[in-house]
Amino acid sequence: MESLVRRLGRIFTPQRKTEKKAPPQRFRLHPERLEKALTAWLAEKGWRKPARTFGQVAEELGTDSVTLYHYFQERIGQDFRTWQTRLRLEDACRMLVEEPDANAAEIGLRAGFSNRSNFARQFRAHIGCTPLQWRKEARMSRDGRASKNDYV
């Protein structure tokens, strides 16, 4: 009988709020230091590394995923994945123009997309045409004709 009373007491007794633990010291990073780490990541073309989780990128930058998430929301104005996809697409567009004989699927892989179908899907969704159509339009615009898409 006593154990039943204790159990009921635990059920109806309000739980104490547990205090949130502060993140480990190594994850505390001032925005200036995070900006510096991101600048170095951009210089190293970190977006080209495929199949990296958000947590892995955060750790690579010396922070945690929550801090990185809030940094992107407050300072960049968009989420990390969208920003990284834009960097990859800009990189791919540049390579499509600079390397006219290179295979478009290979360019997508070098830009950091996990596979060629993902590259084609993302390219079409954000740019509005296939990589080969974009390359053709870019060539025509370099020859003095107007381009319908000026993503880069």
N, C-alpha and C. Protein backbone atom coordinates (compact mmCIF):
# COMPACT_ATOMS: atom_id res chain seq x y z
N MET A 1 0.81 -1.19 0.00
CA MET A 1 0.00 0.00 0.00
C MET A 1 0.86 1.27 0.00
N GLU A 2 1.92 1.22 0.76
CA GLU A 2 2.80 2.39 0.84
C GLU A 2 3.44 2.72 -0.51
N SER A 3 3.84 1.71 -1.25
CA SER A 3 4.45 1.97 -2.55
C SER A 3 3.46 2.61 -3.51
N LEU A 4 2.19 2.23 -3.41
CA LEU A 4 1.17 2.84 -4.24
C LEU A 4 1.01 4.32 -3.89
N VAL A 5 1.03 4.64 -2.60
CA VAL A 5 0.93 6.03 -2.16
C VAL A 5 2.13 6.84 -2.65
N ARG A 6 3.32 6.25 -2.56
CA ARG A 6 4.51 6.96 -3.07
C ARG A 6 4.41 7.21 -4.56
N ARG A 7 3.98 6.21 -5.29
CA ARG A 7 3.85 6.38 -6.74
C ARG A 7 2.83 7.46 -7.08
N LEU A 8 1.70 7.45 -6.40
CA LEU A 8 0.70 8.49 -6.64
C LEU A 8 1.24 9.87 -6.27
N GLY A 9 2.01 9.92 -5.19
CA GLY A 9 2.62 11.18 -4.79
C GLY A 9 3.56 11.72 -5.86
N ARG A 10 4.31 10.83 -6.48
CA ARG A 10 5.21 11.27 -7.55
C ARG A 10 4.44 11.74 -8.77
N ILE A 11 3.33 11.09 -9.04
CA ILE A 11 2.54 11.48 -10.21
C ILE A 11 1.94 12.86 -10.02
N PHE A 12 1.41 13.12 -8.79
CA PHE A 12 0.70 14.37 -8.57
C PHE A 12 1.57 15.49 -8.01
N THR A 13 2.79 15.20 -7.68
CA THR A 13 3.70 16.23 -7.19
C THR A 13 4.32 16.92 -8.39
N PRO A 14 4.23 18.25 -8.43
CA PRO A 14 4.82 18.95 -9.58
C PRO A 14 6.32 18.71 -9.66
N GLN A 15 6.77 18.46 -10.85
CA GLN A 15 8.19 18.22 -11.09
C GLN A 15 8.96 19.53 -11.01
N ARG A 16 10.14 19.45 -10.48
CA ARG A 16 11.00 20.63 -10.47
C ARG A 16 11.52 20.86 -11.87
N LYS A 17 11.56 22.10 -12.25
CA LYS A 17 12.11 22.42 -13.56
C LYS A 17 13.61 22.24 -13.51
N THR A 18 14.10 21.51 -14.48
CA THR A 18 15.55 21.33 -14.53
C THR A 18 16.15 22.49 -15.30
N GLU A 19 17.24 22.96 -14.78
CA GLU A 19 17.91 24.07 -15.44
C GLU A 19 18.63 23.56 -16.67
N LYS A 20 18.58 24.37 -17.72
CA LYS A 20 19.30 23.99 -18.94
C LYS A 20 20.78 24.17 -18.70
N LYS A 21 21.50 23.18 -19.11
CA LYS A 21 22.94 23.25 -18.96
C LYS A 21 23.52 24.10 -20.08
N ALA A 22 24.50 24.87 -19.75
CA ALA A 22 25.18 25.66 -20.77
C ALA A 22 25.97 24.73 -21.67
N PRO A 23 26.06 25.06 -22.96
CA PRO A 23 26.83 24.20 -23.85
C PRO A 23 28.30 24.17 -23.43
N PRO A 24 29.00 23.12 -23.79
CA PRO A 24 30.42 23.06 -23.45
C PRO A 24 31.16 24.31 -23.93
N GLN A 25 32.20 24.65 -23.22
CA GLN A 25 32.96 25.87 -23.50
C GLN A 25 33.44 25.93 -24.95
N ARG A 26 33.82 24.78 -25.53
CA ARG A 26 34.36 24.81 -26.89
C ARG A 26 33.33 25.25 -27.92
N PHE A 27 32.02 25.17 -27.55
CA PHE A 27 30.98 25.54 -28.49
C PHE A 27 30.58 27.01 -28.38
N ARG A 28 31.03 27.66 -27.34
CA ARG A 28 30.70 29.07 -27.21
C ARG A 28 31.58 29.86 -28.15
N LEU A 29 30.96 30.47 -29.12
CA LEU A 29 31.73 31.18 -30.13
C LEU A 29 31.07 32.53 -30.39
N HIS A 30 31.82 33.57 -30.27
CA HIS A 30 31.30 34.90 -30.54
C HIS A 30 31.00 35.02 -32.03
N PRO A 31 30.01 35.84 -32.39
CA PRO A 31 29.67 35.99 -33.80
C PRO A 31 30.86 36.39 -34.68
N GLU A 32 31.76 37.19 -34.14
CA GLU A 32 32.93 37.61 -34.93
C GLU A 32 33.82 36.40 -35.25
N ARG A 33 33.99 35.53 -34.26
CA ARG A 33 34.81 34.33 -34.49
C ARG A 33 34.11 33.37 -35.45
N LEU A 34 32.79 33.28 -35.36
CA LEU A 34 32.04 32.43 -36.28
C LEU A 34 32.12 32.98 -37.70
N GLU A 35 32.05 34.30 -37.84
CA GLU A 35 32.20 34.93 -39.16
C GLU A 35 33.58 34.63 -39.75
N LYS A 36 34.59 34.70 -38.91
CA LYS A 36 35.95 34.41 -39.36
C LYS A 36 36.07 32.95 -39.79
N ALA A 37 35.47 32.04 -39.01
CA ALA A 37 35.49 30.62 -39.36
C ALA A 37 34.73 30.36 -40.66
N LEU A 38 33.59 31.05 -40.85
CA LEU A 38 32.83 30.91 -42.09
C LEU A 38 33.60 31.46 -43.28
N THR A 39 34.31 32.56 -43.09
CA THR A 39 35.12 33.13 -44.17
C THR A 39 36.20 32.14 -44.60
N ALA A 40 36.84 31.51 -43.64
CA ALA A 40 37.85 30.50 -43.96
C ALA A 40 37.21 29.30 -44.66
N TRP A 41 36.02 28.90 -44.20
CA TRP A 41 35.28 27.78 -44.80
C TRP A 41 34.93 28.10 -46.26
N LEU A 42 34.54 29.35 -46.50
CA LEU A 42 34.23 29.77 -47.88
C LEU A 42 35.49 29.78 -48.74
N ALA A 43 36.60 30.27 -48.19
CA ALA A 43 37.85 30.30 -48.95
C ALA A 43 38.32 28.89 -49.31
N GLU A 44 38.05 27.93 -48.42
CA GLU A 44 38.42 26.54 -48.68
C GLU A 44 37.38 25.81 -49.53
N LYS A 45 36.32 26.53 -49.90
CA LYS A 45 35.20 25.96 -50.67
C LYS A 45 34.60 24.75 -49.94
N GLY A 46 34.28 24.96 -48.68
CA GLY A 46 33.74 23.91 -47.84
C GLY A 46 32.42 23.35 -48.33
N TRP A 47 31.67 24.13 -49.11
CA TRP A 47 30.39 23.65 -49.64
C TRP A 47 30.56 22.50 -50.63
N ARG A 48 31.76 22.32 -51.14
CA ARG A 48 32.01 21.25 -52.10
C ARG A 48 32.07 19.86 -51.46
N LYS A 49 32.15 19.81 -50.15
CA LYS A 49 32.20 18.52 -49.46
C LYS A 49 30.77 17.96 -49.38
N PRO A 50 30.48 16.90 -50.13
CA PRO A 50 29.11 16.37 -50.11
C PRO A 50 28.84 15.54 -48.86
N ALA A 51 27.57 15.29 -48.62
CA ALA A 51 27.11 14.40 -47.55
C ALA A 51 27.62 14.80 -46.18
N ARG A 52 27.69 16.08 -45.90
CA ARG A 52 28.07 16.56 -44.58
C ARG A 52 26.79 16.99 -43.88
N THR A 53 26.63 16.54 -42.66
CA THR A 53 25.46 16.95 -41.90
C THR A 53 25.67 18.36 -41.37
N PHE A 54 24.58 18.97 -40.97
CA PHE A 54 24.65 20.30 -40.40
C PHE A 54 25.51 20.29 -39.14
N GLY A 55 25.38 19.26 -38.34
CA GLY A 55 26.19 19.13 -37.13
C GLY A 55 27.67 19.01 -37.44
N GLN A 56 28.02 18.28 -38.50
CA GLN A 56 29.42 18.14 -38.88
C GLN A 56 30.00 19.47 -39.33
N VAL A 57 29.23 20.24 -40.09
CA VAL A 57 29.70 21.55 -40.53
C VAL A 57 29.86 22.47 -39.32
N ALA A 58 28.90 22.43 -38.40
CA ALA A 58 28.99 23.26 -37.19
C ALA A 58 30.25 22.91 -36.40
N GLU A 59 30.51 21.63 -36.24
CA GLU A 59 31.71 21.21 -35.50
C GLU A 59 32.98 21.65 -36.23
N GLU A 60 32.96 21.56 -37.55
CA GLU A 60 34.10 22.00 -38.35
C GLU A 60 34.36 23.50 -38.15
N LEU A 61 33.29 24.25 -37.92
CA LEU A 61 33.41 25.69 -37.71
C LEU A 61 33.68 26.04 -36.25
N GLY A 62 33.72 25.04 -35.39
CA GLY A 62 34.05 25.28 -33.99
C GLY A 62 32.86 25.72 -33.16
N THR A 63 31.66 25.34 -33.55
CA THR A 63 30.46 25.72 -32.80
C THR A 63 29.52 24.53 -32.75
N ASP A 64 28.33 24.74 -32.22
CA ASP A 64 27.33 23.67 -32.22
C ASP A 64 26.21 24.03 -33.20
N SER A 65 25.38 23.07 -33.51
CA SER A 65 24.36 23.27 -34.53
C SER A 65 23.32 24.32 -34.13
N VAL A 66 23.00 24.42 -32.85
CA VAL A 66 22.02 25.41 -32.41
C VAL A 66 22.56 26.83 -32.62
N THR A 67 23.80 27.05 -32.24
CA THR A 67 24.42 28.36 -32.43
C THR A 67 24.50 28.71 -33.91
N LEU A 68 24.91 27.75 -34.72
CA LEU A 68 25.02 27.99 -36.17
C LEU A 68 23.65 28.27 -36.77
N TYR A 69 22.64 27.53 -36.33
CA TYR A 69 21.28 27.75 -36.82
C TYR A 69 20.83 29.19 -36.54
N HIS A 70 21.00 29.61 -35.29
CA HIS A 70 20.57 30.97 -34.92
C HIS A 70 21.40 32.03 -35.63
N TYR A 71 22.67 31.78 -35.82
CA TYR A 71 23.52 32.72 -36.56
C TYR A 71 22.97 32.93 -37.98
N PHE A 72 22.63 31.84 -38.64
CA PHE A 72 22.13 31.95 -40.02
C PHE A 72 20.77 32.63 -40.07
N GLN A 73 19.92 32.34 -39.12
CA GLN A 73 18.61 32.99 -39.10
C GLN A 73 18.74 34.49 -38.85
N GLU A 74 19.59 34.89 -37.93
CA GLU A 74 19.71 36.29 -37.54
C GLU A 74 20.60 37.10 -38.47
N ARG A 75 21.74 36.54 -38.87
CA ARG A 75 22.72 37.31 -39.65
C ARG A 75 22.57 37.13 -41.16
N ILE A 76 22.26 35.93 -41.60
CA ILE A 76 22.19 35.65 -43.04
C ILE A 76 20.75 35.78 -43.55
N GLY A 77 19.79 35.46 -42.70
CA GLY A 77 18.39 35.59 -43.09
C GLY A 77 17.82 34.38 -43.80
N GLN A 78 18.53 33.28 -43.79
CA GLN A 78 18.02 32.04 -44.37
C GLN A 78 18.70 30.87 -43.70
N ASP A 79 18.18 29.69 -43.93
CA ASP A 79 18.77 28.53 -43.28
C ASP A 79 20.04 28.09 -44.01
N PHE A 80 20.85 27.33 -43.31
CA PHE A 80 22.15 26.93 -43.83
C PHE A 80 22.03 26.12 -45.12
N ARG A 81 21.10 25.19 -45.17
CA ARG A 81 20.97 24.32 -46.35
C ARG A 81 20.66 25.13 -47.61
N THR A 82 19.77 26.09 -47.50
CA THR A 82 19.44 26.95 -48.65
C THR A 82 20.66 27.75 -49.08
N TRP A 83 21.38 28.29 -48.11
CA TRP A 83 22.58 29.07 -48.39
C TRP A 83 23.63 28.21 -49.07
N GLN A 84 23.84 27.00 -48.55
CA GLN A 84 24.84 26.09 -49.13
C GLN A 84 24.44 25.67 -50.54
N THR A 85 23.17 25.41 -50.77
CA THR A 85 22.70 25.05 -52.11
C THR A 85 22.95 26.19 -53.08
N ARG A 86 22.72 27.42 -52.64
CA ARG A 86 22.98 28.58 -53.50
C ARG A 86 24.46 28.66 -53.86
N LEU A 87 25.34 28.43 -52.86
CA LEU A 87 26.78 28.45 -53.14
C LEU A 87 27.15 27.37 -54.15
N ARG A 88 26.60 26.18 -53.99
CA ARG A 88 26.89 25.08 -54.90
C ARG A 88 26.39 25.38 -56.31
N LEU A 89 25.21 25.97 -56.41
CA LEU A 89 24.68 26.30 -57.73
C LEU A 89 25.49 27.40 -58.41
N GLU A 90 25.90 28.41 -57.64
CA GLU A 90 26.75 29.46 -58.21
C GLU A 90 28.07 28.88 -58.70
N ASP A 91 28.63 27.98 -57.91
CA ASP A 91 29.88 27.32 -58.28
C ASP A 91 29.70 26.51 -59.55
N ALA A 92 28.61 25.76 -59.62
CA ALA A 92 28.33 24.93 -60.80
C ALA A 92 28.11 25.80 -62.03
N CYS A 93 27.38 26.89 -61.89
CA CYS A 93 27.16 27.79 -63.02
C CYS A 93 28.48 28.36 -63.54
N ARG A 94 29.34 28.75 -62.62
CA ARG A 94 30.65 29.28 -63.02
C ARG A 94 31.44 28.22 -63.77
N MET A 95 31.46 26.99 -63.25
CA MET A 95 32.21 25.92 -63.91
C MET A 95 31.60 25.55 -65.26
N LEU A 96 30.27 25.62 -65.39
CA LEU A 96 29.63 25.30 -66.66
C LEU A 96 30.09 26.26 -67.76
N VAL A 97 30.33 27.51 -67.39
CA VAL A 97 30.79 28.50 -68.36
C VAL A 97 32.29 28.39 -68.60
N GLU A 98 33.06 28.25 -67.52
CA GLU A 98 34.52 28.23 -67.64
C GLU A 98 35.05 26.93 -68.21
N GLU A 99 34.31 25.85 -68.09
CA GLU A 99 34.74 24.54 -68.58
C GLU A 99 33.70 23.99 -69.56
N PRO A 100 33.64 24.55 -70.77
CA PRO A 100 32.58 24.17 -71.71
C PRO A 100 32.61 22.70 -72.14
N ASP A 101 33.73 22.05 -72.04
CA ASP A 101 33.82 20.65 -72.46
C ASP A 101 33.60 19.66 -71.32
N ALA A 102 33.48 20.16 -70.10
CA ALA A 102 33.30 19.28 -68.94
C ALA A 102 31.87 18.75 -68.90
N ASN A 103 31.74 17.53 -68.43
CA ASN A 103 30.44 16.89 -68.26
C ASN A 103 29.66 17.61 -67.17
N ALA A 104 28.41 17.96 -67.43
CA ALA A 104 27.59 18.70 -66.47
C ALA A 104 27.38 17.91 -65.18
N ALA A 105 27.20 16.60 -65.28
CA ALA A 105 27.01 15.78 -64.08
C ALA A 105 28.27 15.79 -63.22
N GLU A 106 29.43 15.73 -63.84
CA GLU A 106 30.69 15.79 -63.10
C GLU A 106 30.85 17.13 -62.40
N ILE A 107 30.44 18.19 -63.07
CA ILE A 107 30.51 19.52 -62.47
C ILE A 107 29.62 19.57 -61.23
N GLY A 108 28.44 18.99 -61.30
CA GLY A 108 27.55 18.95 -60.15
C GLY A 108 28.18 18.23 -58.97
N LEU A 109 28.85 17.12 -59.25
CA LEU A 109 29.52 16.37 -58.17
C LEU A 109 30.67 17.19 -57.59
N ARG A 110 31.43 17.86 -58.43
CA ARG A 110 32.54 18.68 -57.95
C ARG A 110 32.05 19.88 -57.15
N ALA A 111 30.85 20.37 -57.47
CA ALA A 111 30.29 21.51 -56.75
C ALA A 111 29.73 21.11 -55.39
N GLY A 112 29.63 19.80 -55.14
CA GLY A 112 29.21 19.34 -53.82
C GLY A 112 27.89 18.62 -53.75
N PHE A 113 27.23 18.45 -54.88
CA PHE A 113 25.96 17.72 -54.87
C PHE A 113 26.24 16.23 -54.72
N SER A 114 25.37 15.55 -54.02
CA SER A 114 25.62 14.14 -53.67
C SER A 114 25.54 13.20 -54.87
N ASN A 115 24.72 13.52 -55.86
CA ASN A 115 24.63 12.70 -57.06
C ASN A 115 24.08 13.55 -58.20
N ARG A 116 24.12 13.01 -59.39
CA ARG A 116 23.74 13.82 -60.56
C ARG A 116 22.25 14.12 -60.61
N SER A 117 21.40 13.20 -60.12
CA SER A 117 19.97 13.48 -60.15
C SER A 117 19.61 14.59 -59.17
N ASN A 118 20.27 14.61 -58.01
CA ASN A 118 20.06 15.69 -57.05
C ASN A 118 20.51 17.02 -57.65
N PHE A 119 21.64 17.01 -58.33
CA PHE A 119 22.14 18.22 -58.98
C PHE A 119 21.14 18.72 -60.02
N ALA A 120 20.67 17.83 -60.88
CA ALA A 120 19.72 18.22 -61.93
C ALA A 120 18.42 18.76 -61.32
N ARG A 121 17.94 18.10 -60.28
CA ARG A 121 16.69 18.51 -59.63
C ARG A 121 16.85 19.89 -58.98
N GLN A 122 17.93 20.09 -58.24
CA GLN A 122 18.16 21.37 -57.58
C GLN A 122 18.38 22.49 -58.61
N PHE A 123 19.12 22.18 -59.65
CA PHE A 123 19.39 23.17 -60.69
C PHE A 123 18.08 23.62 -61.34
N ARG A 124 17.25 22.66 -61.70
CA ARG A 124 15.97 22.98 -62.34
C ARG A 124 15.06 23.77 -61.39
N ALA A 125 15.04 23.38 -60.13
CA ALA A 125 14.17 24.05 -59.16
C ALA A 125 14.57 25.50 -58.91
N HIS A 126 15.87 25.76 -58.85
CA HIS A 126 16.34 27.11 -58.50
C HIS A 126 16.63 27.98 -59.71
N ILE A 127 17.09 27.38 -60.78
CA ILE A 127 17.49 28.15 -61.96
C ILE A 127 16.39 28.17 -63.01
N GLY A 128 15.63 27.10 -63.09
CA GLY A 128 14.50 27.08 -64.02
C GLY A 128 14.75 26.33 -65.31
N CYS A 129 15.91 25.72 -65.45
CA CYS A 129 16.22 24.94 -66.64
C CYS A 129 17.29 23.91 -66.28
N THR A 130 17.65 23.08 -67.23
CA THR A 130 18.68 22.07 -66.97
C THR A 130 20.06 22.73 -67.04
N PRO A 131 21.08 22.09 -66.49
CA PRO A 131 22.43 22.65 -66.58
C PRO A 131 22.89 22.85 -68.03
N LEU A 132 22.55 21.92 -68.91
CA LEU A 132 22.96 22.06 -70.31
C LEU A 132 22.24 23.22 -71.00
N GLN A 133 20.96 23.41 -70.69
CA GLN A 133 20.25 24.56 -71.25
C GLN A 133 20.85 25.86 -70.74
N TRP A 134 21.21 25.88 -69.45
CA TRP A 134 21.81 27.08 -68.87
C TRP A 134 23.15 27.37 -69.54
N ARG A 135 23.94 26.33 -69.76
CA ARG A 135 25.24 26.49 -70.41
C ARG A 135 25.05 27.08 -71.81
N LYS A 136 24.07 26.58 -72.53
CA LYS A 136 23.79 27.08 -73.88
C LYS A 136 23.38 28.55 -73.83
N GLU A 137 22.51 28.91 -72.88
CA GLU A 137 22.09 30.31 -72.72
C GLU A 137 23.28 31.20 -72.35
N ALA A 138 24.14 30.70 -71.49
CA ALA A 138 25.31 31.49 -71.08
C ALA A 138 26.25 31.73 -72.25
N ARG A 139 26.41 30.71 -73.07
CA ARG A 139 27.26 30.89 -74.27
C ARG A 139 26.66 31.92 -75.21
N MET A 140 25.35 31.87 -75.40
CA MET A 140 24.70 32.82 -76.29
C MET A 140 24.80 34.24 -75.74
N SER A 141 24.70 34.39 -74.42
CA SER A 141 24.79 35.73 -73.84
C SER A 141 26.22 36.27 -73.96
N ARG A 142 27.21 35.38 -73.89
CA ARG A 142 28.60 35.83 -74.08
C ARG A 142 28.85 36.26 -75.51
N ASP A 143 28.08 35.71 -76.43
CA ASP A 143 28.22 36.08 -77.83
C ASP A 143 27.45 37.36 -78.17
N GLY A 144 26.85 37.99 -77.17
CA GLY A 144 26.18 39.27 -77.39
C GLY A 144 24.67 39.16 -77.40
N ARG A 145 24.13 37.99 -77.26
CA ARG A 145 22.68 37.83 -77.21
C ARG A 145 22.23 37.89 -75.76
N ALA A 146 20.99 38.28 -75.55
CA ALA A 146 20.44 38.40 -74.18
C ALA A 146 20.19 37.04 -73.59
N SER A 147 20.43 36.94 -72.31
CA SER A 147 20.18 35.69 -71.59
C SER A 147 18.89 35.83 -70.79
N LYS A 148 18.13 34.75 -70.73
CA LYS A 148 16.87 34.82 -69.97
C LYS A 148 17.10 34.58 -68.49
N ASN A 149 18.26 34.08 -68.10
CA ASN A 149 18.52 33.76 -66.69
C ASN A 149 19.89 34.28 -66.31
N ASP A 150 19.92 35.17 -65.34
CA ASP A 150 21.21 35.71 -64.90
C ASP A 150 21.43 35.36 -63.44
N TYR A 151 21.44 34.06 -63.14
CA TYR A 151 21.58 33.59 -61.76
C TYR A 151 22.94 33.96 -61.18
N VAL A 152 23.95 33.89 -61.98
CA VAL A 152 25.29 34.18 -61.49
C VAL A 152 25.73 35.53 -61.99
